Amino acid sequence: QVQLVESGGGLVQAGGSLRLSCAASTNIFGIYVMDWYRQAPGKQRELVATITNDGDTNYANSVKGRFTGSRDNAKNTVYLQMNSLKPEDTAVYYCHANYNLRHYWGQGTQVTVSS
């Protein structure tokens, strides 16, 4: 069983920055890929960033160059640094892990970007 707890969301003006954190209840060294997803009102949940244990990252086209994913295995924490935020980035952001063939999700953290 893996529990994921996100934090760091909030209200920010367009052009601002936020840093999201996702704390895991287990050692994440054994979780090869951890992801960040987001879901805006009335829209499907979409993949924002993936971070592998090797440090490789992949991003949705809409956030490339603005968002940076990272992980600290020693702290069992994954991060999402979000810069140059836009109103269209407004969503609930979720941390996700696929571990031992099971999918685990955090409760989400709200990010609201005002214009």
Protein backbone atom coordinates (compact mmCIF):
# COMPACT_ATOMS: atom_id res chain seq x y z
CA GLN A 1 0.00 0.00 0.00
CA VAL A 2 1.31 3.43 -0.96
CA GLN A 3 -0.14 6.67 0.31
CA LEU A 4 0.60 9.85 -1.61
CA VAL A 5 0.01 13.29 -0.15
CA GLU A 6 0.27 16.39 -2.32
CA SER A 7 0.86 19.90 -1.06
CA GLY A 8 1.88 23.30 -2.35
CA GLY A 9 -1.15 24.30 -4.36
CA GLY A 10 -2.81 27.67 -4.08
CA LEU A 11 -3.90 30.83 -5.83
CA VAL A 12 -1.34 32.66 -7.94
CA GLN A 13 -1.40 35.37 -10.57
CA ALA A 14 -0.55 34.60 -14.17
CA GLY A 15 3.19 34.56 -14.63
CA GLY A 16 3.77 33.38 -11.09
CA SER A 17 5.26 30.17 -9.75
CA LEU A 18 4.31 27.34 -7.44
CA ARG A 19 6.12 24.24 -6.27
CA LEU A 20 4.07 21.13 -5.64
CA SER A 21 5.28 18.31 -3.44
CA CYS A 22 4.13 14.71 -3.22
CA ALA A 23 5.18 12.80 -0.13
CA ALA A 24 4.98 9.01 -0.31
CA SER A 25 4.46 6.66 2.62
CA THR A 26 6.93 4.16 1.23
CA ASN A 27 10.43 4.13 -0.16
CA ILE A 28 10.03 5.46 -3.69
CA PHE A 29 13.38 4.11 -4.84
CA GLY A 30 11.49 1.01 -5.94
CA ILE A 31 8.93 2.97 -7.93
CA TYR A 32 10.53 3.50 -11.31
CA VAL A 33 8.11 6.09 -12.64
CA MET A 34 6.16 8.66 -10.71
CA ASP A 35 3.83 11.06 -12.47
CA TRP A 36 1.95 14.29 -12.09
CA TYR A 37 -1.52 14.56 -13.60
CA ARG A 38 -4.05 17.38 -13.56
CA GLN A 39 -7.78 17.68 -14.06
CA ALA A 40 -9.53 20.91 -14.89
CA PRO A 41 -13.29 21.34 -14.38
CA GLY A 42 -15.23 19.57 -17.10
CA LYS A 43 -12.10 18.03 -18.60
CA GLN A 44 -10.44 14.64 -18.48
CA ARG A 45 -7.44 14.02 -16.27
CA GLU A 46 -4.26 14.56 -18.26
CA LEU A 47 -0.66 13.56 -17.78
CA VAL A 48 1.56 16.54 -17.04
CA ALA A 49 4.98 15.11 -16.20
CA THR A 50 6.73 11.81 -15.61
CA ILE A 51 9.88 11.40 -13.56
CA THR A 52 11.86 8.16 -13.63
CA ASN A 53 14.29 6.82 -11.07
CA ASP A 54 17.07 7.58 -13.55
CA GLY A 55 16.14 11.26 -13.49
CA ASP A 56 14.58 11.21 -16.94
CA THR A 57 11.57 13.44 -17.38
CA ASN A 58 8.84 13.86 -19.95
CA TYR A 59 6.28 16.61 -20.16
CA ALA A 60 3.01 17.43 -21.84
CA ASN A 61 3.55 19.85 -24.71
CA SER A 62 1.44 22.45 -22.94
CA VAL A 63 3.88 22.70 -20.01
CA LYS A 64 7.26 22.08 -21.67
CA GLY A 65 9.77 24.76 -20.79
CA ARG A 66 7.66 25.97 -17.85
CA PHE A 67 7.30 22.96 -15.53
CA THR A 68 10.10 20.85 -14.07
CA GLY A 69 9.60 17.53 -12.34
CA SER A 70 12.08 16.08 -9.89
CA ARG A 71 12.31 13.52 -7.12
CA ASP A 72 14.26 13.08 -3.92
CA ASN A 73 14.33 9.37 -3.17
CA ALA A 74 15.95 9.97 0.21
CA LYS A 75 12.92 12.04 1.24
CA ASN A 76 10.40 9.85 -0.61
CA THR A 77 9.14 13.00 -2.27
CA VAL A 78 8.39 14.06 -5.82
CA TYR A 79 8.20 17.69 -6.89
CA LEU A 80 6.70 19.75 -9.66
CA GLN A 81 8.12 23.23 -10.09
CA MET A 82 5.68 25.32 -12.10
CA ASN A 83 6.84 28.63 -13.56
CA SER A 84 5.22 31.16 -15.88
CA LEU A 85 1.81 29.89 -14.84
CA LYS A 86 -1.16 30.57 -17.09
CA PRO A 87 -4.90 30.63 -16.32
CA GLU A 88 -5.25 27.43 -18.37
CA ASP A 89 -3.01 25.68 -15.84
CA THR A 90 -5.85 25.95 -13.30
CA ALA A 91 -6.70 22.42 -12.19
CA VAL A 92 -6.45 19.89 -9.40
CA TYR A 93 -3.00 18.34 -9.57
CA TYR A 94 -2.52 14.70 -8.63
CA CYS A 95 0.52 12.61 -7.88
CA HIS A 96 0.47 9.06 -9.25
CA ALA A 97 2.53 5.93 -8.81
CA ASN A 98 2.29 2.52 -10.44
CA TYR A 99 3.72 0.11 -7.92
CA ASN A 100 3.49 -3.67 -7.87
CA LEU A 101 0.89 -3.52 -10.66
CA ARG A 102 -1.37 -1.22 -8.68
CA HIS A 103 -2.14 2.43 -9.30
CA TYR A 104 -1.94 4.85 -6.43
CA TRP A 105 -3.22 8.44 -6.40
CA GLY A 106 -2.97 11.30 -3.99
CA GLN A 107 -5.98 13.34 -2.96
CA GLY A 108 -4.94 16.23 -5.20
CA THR A 109 -4.01 19.83 -4.61
CA GLN A 110 -5.84 22.76 -6.20
CA VAL A 111 -3.90 25.21 -8.35
CA THR A 112 -5.73 28.34 -9.42
CA VAL A 113 -4.11 30.87 -11.73
CA SER A 114 -5.82 34.24 -12.04
CA SER A 115 -5.48 36.43 -15.10
